[in-house]
Amino acid sequence: VSSGVPRGDGDTILSLLSVEFSETDAPSGQVTL
């Protein structure tokens, strides 16, 4: 799922700030970029 990420414009340059993991139902969870 994306939020605030432009779709269809492959020329847009994005900058990654962090990668985090939140466990929901071990070992499952969510990785947030």
PDB file of all heavy atoms in Angstrom:
ATOM      1  N   VAL A   1       0.870  -1.177   0.000  1.00  0.00           N
ATOM      2  CA  VAL A   1       0.000   0.000   0.000  1.00  0.00           C
ATOM      3  C   VAL A   1       0.908   1.230   0.000  1.00  0.00           C
ATOM      4  O   VAL A   1       1.886   1.281   0.753  1.00  0.00           O
ATOM      5  CB  VAL A   1      -0.915   0.027   1.250  1.00  0.00           C
ATOM      6  CG1 VAL A   1      -1.756   1.286   1.279  1.00  0.00           C
ATOM      7  CG2 VAL A   1      -1.790  -1.210   1.307  1.00  0.00           C
ATOM      8  N   SER A   2       0.585   2.204  -0.851  1.00  0.00           N
ATOM      9  CA  SER A   2       1.396   3.423  -0.896  1.00  0.00           C
ATOM     10  C   SER A   2       0.562   4.638  -0.520  1.00  0.00           C
ATOM     11  O   SER A   2      -0.650   4.656  -0.712  1.00  0.00           O
ATOM     12  CB  SER A   2       2.003   3.618  -2.281  1.00  0.00           C
ATOM     13  OG  SER A   2       0.999   3.852  -3.237  1.00  0.00           O
ATOM     14  N   SER A   3       1.255   5.634  -0.003  1.00  0.00           N
ATOM     15  CA  SER A   3       0.627   6.904   0.355  1.00  0.00           C
ATOM     16  C   SER A   3       1.595   8.020  -0.030  1.00  0.00           C
ATOM     17  O   SER A   3       2.770   7.979   0.342  1.00  0.00           O
ATOM     18  CB  SER A   3       0.352   6.938   1.859  1.00  0.00           C
ATOM     19  OG  SER A   3      -0.082   8.218   2.257  1.00  0.00           O
ATOM     20  N   GLY A   4       1.106   8.997  -0.791  1.00  0.00           N
ATOM     21  CA  GLY A   4       1.953  10.118  -1.173  1.00  0.00           C
ATOM     22  C   GLY A   4       3.035   9.759  -2.169  1.00  0.00           C
ATOM     23  O   GLY A   4       4.024  10.480  -2.302  1.00  0.00           O
ATOM     24  N   VAL A   5       2.866   8.635  -2.868  1.00  0.00           N
ATOM     25  CA  VAL A   5       3.835   8.204  -3.874  1.00  0.00           C
ATOM     26  C   VAL A   5       3.175   8.368  -5.235  1.00  0.00           C
ATOM     27  O   VAL A   5       2.142   7.759  -5.496  1.00  0.00           O
ATOM     28  CB  VAL A   5       4.256   6.735  -3.659  1.00  0.00           C
ATOM     29  CG1 VAL A   5       5.229   6.284  -4.738  1.00  0.00           C
ATOM     30  CG2 VAL A   5       4.857   6.554  -2.272  1.00  0.00           C
ATOM     31  N   PRO A   6       3.745   9.206  -6.102  1.00  0.00           N
ATOM     32  CA  PRO A   6       3.128   9.417  -7.412  1.00  0.00           C
ATOM     33  C   PRO A   6       3.118   8.151  -8.249  1.00  0.00           C
ATOM     34  O   PRO A   6       4.106   7.434  -8.311  1.00  0.00           O
ATOM     35  CB  PRO A   6       4.003  10.500  -8.056  1.00  0.00           C
ATOM     36  CG  PRO A   6       5.271  10.506  -7.287  1.00  0.00           C
ATOM     37  CD  PRO A   6       4.988   9.931  -5.938  1.00  0.00           C
ATOM     38  N   ARG A   7       1.986   7.890  -8.869  1.00  0.00           N
ATOM     39  CA  ARG A   7       1.859   6.703  -9.721  1.00  0.00           C
ATOM     40  C   ARG A   7       1.938   7.125 -11.180  1.00  0.00           C
ATOM     41  O   ARG A   7       1.442   8.175 -11.555  1.00  0.00           O
ATOM     42  CB  ARG A   7       0.536   6.009  -9.460  1.00  0.00           C
ATOM     43  CG  ARG A   7       0.451   5.419  -8.072  1.00  0.00           C
ATOM     44  CD  ARG A   7      -0.915   4.798  -7.855  1.00  0.00           C
ATOM     45  NE  ARG A   7      -1.026   4.321  -6.507  1.00  0.00           N
ATOM     46  CZ  ARG A   7      -0.975   3.040  -6.168  1.00  0.00           C
ATOM     47  NH1 ARG A   7      -0.811   2.122  -7.092  1.00  0.00           N
ATOM     48  NH2 ARG A   7      -1.083   2.682  -4.913  1.00  0.00           N
ATOM     49  N   GLY A   8       2.561   6.289 -11.965  1.00  0.00           N
ATOM     50  CA  GLY A   8       2.586   6.522 -13.400  1.00  0.00           C
ATOM     51  C   GLY A   8       3.642   7.505 -13.866  1.00  0.00           C
ATOM     52  O   GLY A   8       3.780   7.755 -15.043  1.00  0.00           O
ATOM     53  N   ASP A   9       4.419   8.083 -12.944  1.00  0.00           N
ATOM     54  CA  ASP A   9       5.482   9.006 -13.325  1.00  0.00           C
ATOM     55  C   ASP A   9       6.810   8.396 -12.909  1.00  0.00           C
ATOM     56  O   ASP A   9       7.300   8.639 -11.812  1.00  0.00           O
ATOM     57  CB  ASP A   9       5.283  10.375 -12.676  1.00  0.00           C
ATOM     58  CG  ASP A   9       6.344  11.383 -13.104  1.00  0.00           C
ATOM     59  OD1 ASP A   9       7.166  11.040 -13.980  1.00  0.00           O
ATOM     60  OD2 ASP A   9       6.358  12.500 -12.572  1.00  0.00           O
ATOM     61  N   GLY A  10       7.368   7.587 -13.763  1.00  0.00           N
ATOM     62  CA  GLY A  10       8.606   6.887 -13.464  1.00  0.00           C
ATOM     63  C   GLY A  10       9.811   7.795 -13.325  1.00  0.00           C
ATOM     64  O   GLY A  10      10.835   7.381 -12.812  1.00  0.00           O
ATOM     65  N   ASP A  11       9.691   9.049 -13.775  1.00  0.00           N
ATOM     66  CA  ASP A  11      10.811   9.984 -13.677  1.00  0.00           C
ATOM     67  C   ASP A  11      10.901  10.656 -12.314  1.00  0.00           C
ATOM     68  O   ASP A  11      11.895  11.312 -12.018  1.00  0.00           O
ATOM     69  CB  ASP A  11      10.695  11.056 -14.760  1.00  0.00           C
ATOM     70  CG  ASP A  11      10.865  10.475 -16.155  1.00  0.00           C
ATOM     71  OD1 ASP A  11      11.574   9.449 -16.289  1.00  0.00           O
ATOM     72  OD2 ASP A  11      10.298  11.034 -17.104  1.00  0.00           O
ATOM     73  N   THR A  12       9.879  10.515 -11.487  1.00  0.00           N
ATOM     74  CA  THR A  12       9.899  11.118 -10.158  1.00  0.00           C
ATOM     75  C   THR A  12      10.996  10.465  -9.328  1.00  0.00           C
ATOM     76  O   THR A  12      11.084   9.236  -9.253  1.00  0.00           O
ATOM     77  CB  THR A  12       8.542  10.935  -9.454  1.00  0.00           C
ATOM     78  OG1 THR A  12       7.542  11.589 -10.222  1.00  0.00           O
ATOM     79  CG2 THR A  12       8.560  11.505  -8.052  1.00  0.00           C
ATOM     80  N   ILE A  13      11.837  11.292  -8.714  1.00  0.00           N
ATOM     81  CA  ILE A  13      12.918  10.784  -7.863  1.00  0.00           C
ATOM     82  C   ILE A  13      12.434  10.797  -6.419  1.00  0.00           C
ATOM     83  O   ILE A  13      11.970  11.821  -5.914  1.00  0.00           O
ATOM     84  CB  ILE A  13      14.199  11.638  -7.997  1.00  0.00           C
ATOM     85  CG1 ILE A  13      14.671  11.667  -9.457  1.00  0.00           C
ATOM     86  CG2 ILE A  13      15.286  11.110  -7.070  1.00  0.00           C
ATOM     87  CD1 ILE A  13      15.037  10.313 -10.034  1.00  0.00           C
ATOM     88  N   LEU A  14      12.547   9.643  -5.771  1.00  0.00           N
ATOM     89  CA  LEU A  14      12.129   9.487  -4.384  1.00  0.00           C
ATOM     90  C   LEU A  14      13.357   9.329  -3.496  1.00  0.00           C
ATOM     91  O   LEU A  14      14.388   8.836  -3.940  1.00  0.00           O
ATOM     92  CB  LEU A  14      11.218   8.267  -4.248  1.00  0.00           C
ATOM     93  CG  LEU A  14       9.966   8.284  -5.140  1.00  0.00           C
ATOM     94  CD1 LEU A  14       9.266   6.941  -5.099  1.00  0.00           C
ATOM     95  CD2 LEU A  14       9.034   9.399  -4.701  1.00  0.00           C
ATOM     96  N   SER A  15      13.222   9.747  -2.247  1.00  0.00           N
ATOM     97  CA  SER A  15      14.316   9.642  -1.291  1.00  0.00           C
ATOM     98  C   SER A  15      13.849   8.833  -0.089  1.00  0.00           C
ATOM     99  O   SER A  15      12.843   9.166   0.542  1.00  0.00           O
ATOM    100  CB  SER A  15      14.752  11.046  -0.852  1.00  0.00           C
ATOM    101  OG  SER A  15      15.800  10.963   0.097  1.00  0.00           O
ATOM    102  N   LEU A  16      14.569   7.768   0.210  1.00  0.00           N
ATOM    103  CA  LEU A  16      14.219   6.865   1.305  1.00  0.00           C
ATOM    104  C   LEU A  16      14.823   7.378   2.606  1.00  0.00           C
ATOM    105  O   LEU A  16      16.026   7.630   2.676  1.00  0.00           O
ATOM    106  CB  LEU A  16      14.742   5.457   0.986  1.00  0.00           C
ATOM    107  CG  LEU A  16      14.426   4.346   1.959  1.00  0.00           C
ATOM    108  CD1 LEU A  16      12.919   4.178   2.150  1.00  0.00           C
ATOM    109  CD2 LEU A  16      15.040   3.042   1.471  1.00  0.00           C
ATOM    110  N   LEU A  17      13.981   7.541   3.621  1.00  0.00           N
ATOM    111  CA  LEU A  17      14.458   8.025   4.915  1.00  0.00           C
ATOM    112  C   LEU A  17      14.669   6.900   5.922  1.00  0.00           C
ATOM    113  O   LEU A  17      15.621   6.926   6.691  1.00  0.00           O
ATOM    114  CB  LEU A  17      13.486   9.053   5.488  1.00  0.00           C
ATOM    115  CG  LEU A  17      13.300  10.322   4.654  1.00  0.00           C
ATOM    116  CD1 LEU A  17      12.300  11.250   5.324  1.00  0.00           C
ATOM    117  CD2 LEU A  17      14.632  11.024   4.443  1.00  0.00           C
ATOM    118  N   SER A  18      13.745   5.917   5.945  1.00  0.00           N
ATOM    119  CA  SER A  18      13.890   4.839   6.918  1.00  0.00           C
ATOM    120  C   SER A  18      13.097   3.607   6.498  1.00  0.00           C
ATOM    121  O   SER A  18      12.191   3.687   5.672  1.00  0.00           O
ATOM    122  CB  SER A  18      13.425   5.292   8.303  1.00  0.00           C
ATOM    123  OG  SER A  18      12.028   5.543   8.308  1.00  0.00           O
ATOM    124  N   VAL A  19      13.462   2.486   7.112  1.00  0.00           N
ATOM    125  CA  VAL A  19      12.759   1.213   6.932  1.00  0.00           C
ATOM    126  C   VAL A  19      12.501   0.670   8.335  1.00  0.00           C
ATOM    127  O   VAL A  19      13.436   0.507   9.123  1.00  0.00           O
ATOM    128  CB  VAL A  19      13.601   0.192   6.126  1.00  0.00           C
ATOM    129  CG1 VAL A  19      12.826  -1.095   5.910  1.00  0.00           C
ATOM    130  CG2 VAL A  19      14.052   0.786   4.802  1.00  0.00           C
ATOM    131  N   GLU A  20      11.225   0.410   8.637  1.00  0.00           N
ATOM    132  CA  GLU A  20      10.871  -0.052   9.981  1.00  0.00           C
ATOM    133  C   GLU A  20       9.942  -1.257   9.895  1.00  0.00           C
ATOM    134  O   GLU A  20       9.233  -1.436   8.898  1.00  0.00           O
ATOM    135  CB  GLU A  20      10.180   1.064  10.759  1.00  0.00           C
ATOM    136  CG  GLU A  20      11.077   2.270  10.968  1.00  0.00           C
ATOM    137  CD  GLU A  20      10.350   3.450  11.577  1.00  0.00           C
ATOM    138  OE1 GLU A  20       9.283   3.820  11.036  1.00  0.00           O
ATOM    139  OE2 GLU A  20      10.839   3.973  12.589  1.00  0.00           O
ATOM    140  N   PHE A  21       9.924  -2.051  10.974  1.00  0.00           N
ATOM    141  CA  PHE A  21       9.055  -3.225  11.046  1.00  0.00           C
ATOM    142  C   PHE A  21       8.194  -3.127  12.288  1.00  0.00           C
ATOM    143  O   PHE A  21       8.680  -2.839  13.379  1.00  0.00           O
ATOM    144  CB  PHE A  21       9.894  -4.505  11.108  1.00  0.00           C
ATOM    145  CG  PHE A  21       9.071  -5.757  11.233  1.00  0.00           C
ATOM    146  CD1 PHE A  21       8.295  -6.209  10.176  1.00  0.00           C
ATOM    147  CD2 PHE A  21       9.067  -6.487  12.410  1.00  0.00           C
ATOM    148  CE1 PHE A  21       7.522  -7.365  10.287  1.00  0.00           C
ATOM    149  CE2 PHE A  21       8.319  -7.642  12.529  1.00  0.00           C
ATOM    150  CZ  PHE A  21       7.547  -8.083  11.462  1.00  0.00           C
ATOM    151  N   SER A  22       6.893  -3.379  12.098  1.00  0.00           N
ATOM    152  CA  SER A  22       5.945  -3.449  13.210  1.00  0.00           C
ATOM    153  C   SER A  22       5.301  -4.826  13.159  1.00  0.00           C
ATOM    154  O   SER A  22       4.637  -5.164  12.177  1.00  0.00           O
ATOM    155  CB  SER A  22       4.849  -2.387  13.072  1.00  0.00           C
ATOM    156  OG  SER A  22       5.404  -1.111  13.033  1.00  0.00           O
ATOM    157  N   GLU A  23       5.493  -5.596  14.222  1.00  0.00           N
ATOM    158  CA  GLU A  23       4.910  -6.929  14.279  1.00  0.00           C
ATOM    159  C   GLU A  23       3.416  -6.816  14.561  1.00  0.00           C
ATOM    160  O   GLU A  23       2.995  -6.005  15.391  1.00  0.00           O
ATOM    161  CB  GLU A  23       5.602  -7.735  15.374  1.00  0.00           C
ATOM    162  CG  GLU A  23       5.335  -9.208  15.312  1.00  0.00           C
ATOM    163  CD  GLU A  23       6.208  -9.968  16.286  1.00  0.00           C
ATOM    164  OE1 GLU A  23       5.915  -9.915  17.492  1.00  0.00           O
ATOM    165  OE2 GLU A  23       7.185 -10.594  15.823  1.00  0.00           O
ATOM    166  N   THR A  24       2.615  -7.605  13.856  1.00  0.00           N
ATOM    167  CA  THR A  24       1.171  -7.599  14.080  1.00  0.00           C
ATOM    168  C   THR A  24       0.732  -8.896  14.746  1.00  0.00           C
ATOM    169  O   THR A  24       0.172  -8.885  15.827  1.00  0.00           O
ATOM    170  CB  THR A  24       0.393  -7.373  12.769  1.00  0.00           C
ATOM    171  OG1 THR A  24       0.805  -8.327  11.800  1.00  0.00           O
ATOM    172  CG2 THR A  24       0.619  -5.969  12.234  1.00  0.00           C
ATOM    173  N   ASP A  25       0.989 -10.021  14.101  1.00  0.00           N
ATOM    174  CA  ASP A  25       0.646 -11.343  14.618  1.00  0.00           C
ATOM    175  C   ASP A  25       1.839 -12.231  14.325  1.00  0.00           C
ATOM    176  O   ASP A  25       1.933 -12.819  13.253  1.00  0.00           O
ATOM    177  CB  ASP A  25      -0.639 -11.850  13.933  1.00  0.00           C
ATOM    178  CG  ASP A  25      -1.131 -13.167  14.506  1.00  0.00           C
ATOM    179  OD1 ASP A  25      -0.706 -13.531  15.619  1.00  0.00           O
ATOM    180  OD2 ASP A  25      -1.933 -13.841  13.830  1.00  0.00           O
ATOM    181  N   ALA A  26       2.767 -12.306  15.289  1.00  0.00           N
ATOM    182  CA  ALA A  26       4.071 -12.946  15.090  1.00  0.00           C
ATOM    183  C   ALA A  26       3.963 -14.227  14.279  1.00  0.00           C
ATOM    184  O   ALA A  26       3.069 -15.024  14.522  1.00  0.00           O
ATOM    185  CB  ALA A  26       4.722 -13.229  16.434  1.00  0.00           C
ATOM    186  N   PRO A  27       4.819 -14.393  13.279  1.00  0.00           N
ATOM    187  CA  PRO A  27       5.913 -13.514  12.862  1.00  0.00           C
ATOM    188  C   PRO A  27       5.505 -12.466  11.827  1.00  0.00           C
ATOM    189  O   PRO A  27       6.339 -11.754  11.297  1.00  0.00           O
ATOM    190  CB  PRO A  27       6.915 -14.487  12.245  1.00  0.00           C
ATOM    191  CG  PRO A  27       6.047 -15.542  11.613  1.00  0.00           C
ATOM    192  CD  PRO A  27       4.851 -15.671  12.544  1.00  0.00           C
ATOM    193  N   SER A  28       4.207 -12.372  11.530  1.00  0.00           N
ATOM    194  CA  SER A  28       3.727 -11.414  10.525  1.00  0.00           C
ATOM    195  C   SER A  28       3.846  -9.982  11.024  1.00  0.00           C
ATOM    196  O   SER A  28       3.924  -9.726  12.223  1.00  0.00           O
ATOM    197  CB  SER A  28       2.263 -11.692  10.180  1.00  0.00           C
ATOM    198  OG  SER A  28       2.113 -12.980   9.649  1.00  0.00           O
ATOM    199  N   GLY A  29       3.808  -9.053  10.058  1.00  0.00           N
ATOM    200  CA  GLY A  29       3.870  -7.648  10.424  1.00  0.00           C
ATOM    201  C   GLY A  29       3.859  -6.761   9.202  1.00  0.00           C
ATOM    202  O   GLY A  29       3.482  -7.187   8.107  1.00  0.00           O
ATOM    203  N   GLN A  30       4.290  -5.528   9.424  1.00  0.00           N
ATOM    204  CA  GLN A  30       4.320  -4.541   8.354  1.00  0.00           C
ATOM    205  C   GLN A  30       5.704  -3.904   8.288  1.00  0.00           C
ATOM    206  O   GLN A  30       6.249  -3.483   9.308  1.00  0.00           O
ATOM    207  CB  GLN A  30       3.280  -3.452   8.587  1.00  0.00           C
ATOM    208  CG  GLN A  30       1.868  -3.985   8.581  1.00  0.00           C
ATOM    209  CD  GLN A  30       0.846  -2.923   8.917  1.00  0.00           C
ATOM    210  OE1 GLN A  30       1.123  -1.969   9.630  1.00  0.00           O
ATOM    211  NE2 GLN A  30      -0.351  -3.100   8.400  1.00  0.00           N
ATOM    212  N   VAL A  31       6.234  -3.851   7.063  1.00  0.00           N
ATOM    213  CA  VAL A  31       7.474  -3.122   6.810  1.00  0.00           C
ATOM    214  C   VAL A  31       7.056  -1.783   6.217  1.00  0.00           C
ATOM    215  O   VAL A  31       6.316  -1.742   5.227  1.00  0.00           O
ATOM    216  CB  VAL A  31       8.386  -3.888   5.823  1.00  0.00           C
ATOM    217  CG1 VAL A  31       9.607  -3.045   5.458  1.00  0.00           C
ATOM    218  CG2 VAL A  31       8.808  -5.225   6.416  1.00  0.00           C
ATOM    219  N   THR A  32       7.504  -0.701   6.829  1.00  0.00           N
ATOM    220  CA  THR A  32       7.178   0.639   6.350  1.00  0.00           C
ATOM    221  C   THR A  32       8.431   1.309   5.818  1.00  0.00           C
ATOM    222  O   THR A  32       9.437   1.396   6.526  1.00  0.00           O
ATOM    223  CB  THR A  32       6.552   1.503   7.459  1.00  0.00           C
ATOM    224  OG1 THR A  32       5.387   0.840   7.965  1.00  0.00           O
ATOM    225  CG2 THR A  32       6.180   2.882   6.946  1.00  0.00           C
ATOM    226  N   LEU A  33       8.352   1.748   4.558  1.00  0.00           N
ATOM    227  CA  LEU A  33       9.427   2.521   3.934  1.00  0.00           C
ATOM    228  C   LEU A  33       8.964   3.973   3.945  1.00  0.00           C
ATOM    229  O   LEU A  33       8.008   4.325   3.247  1.00  0.00           O
ATOM    230  CB  LEU A  33       9.668   2.049   2.505  1.00  0.00           C
ATOM    231  CG  LEU A  33       9.925   0.555   2.314  1.00  0.00           C
ATOM    232  CD1 LEU A  33       9.932   0.203   0.840  1.00  0.00           C
ATOM    233  CD2 LEU A  33      11.232   0.162   2.954  1.00  0.00           C
TER     234      LEU A  33
END
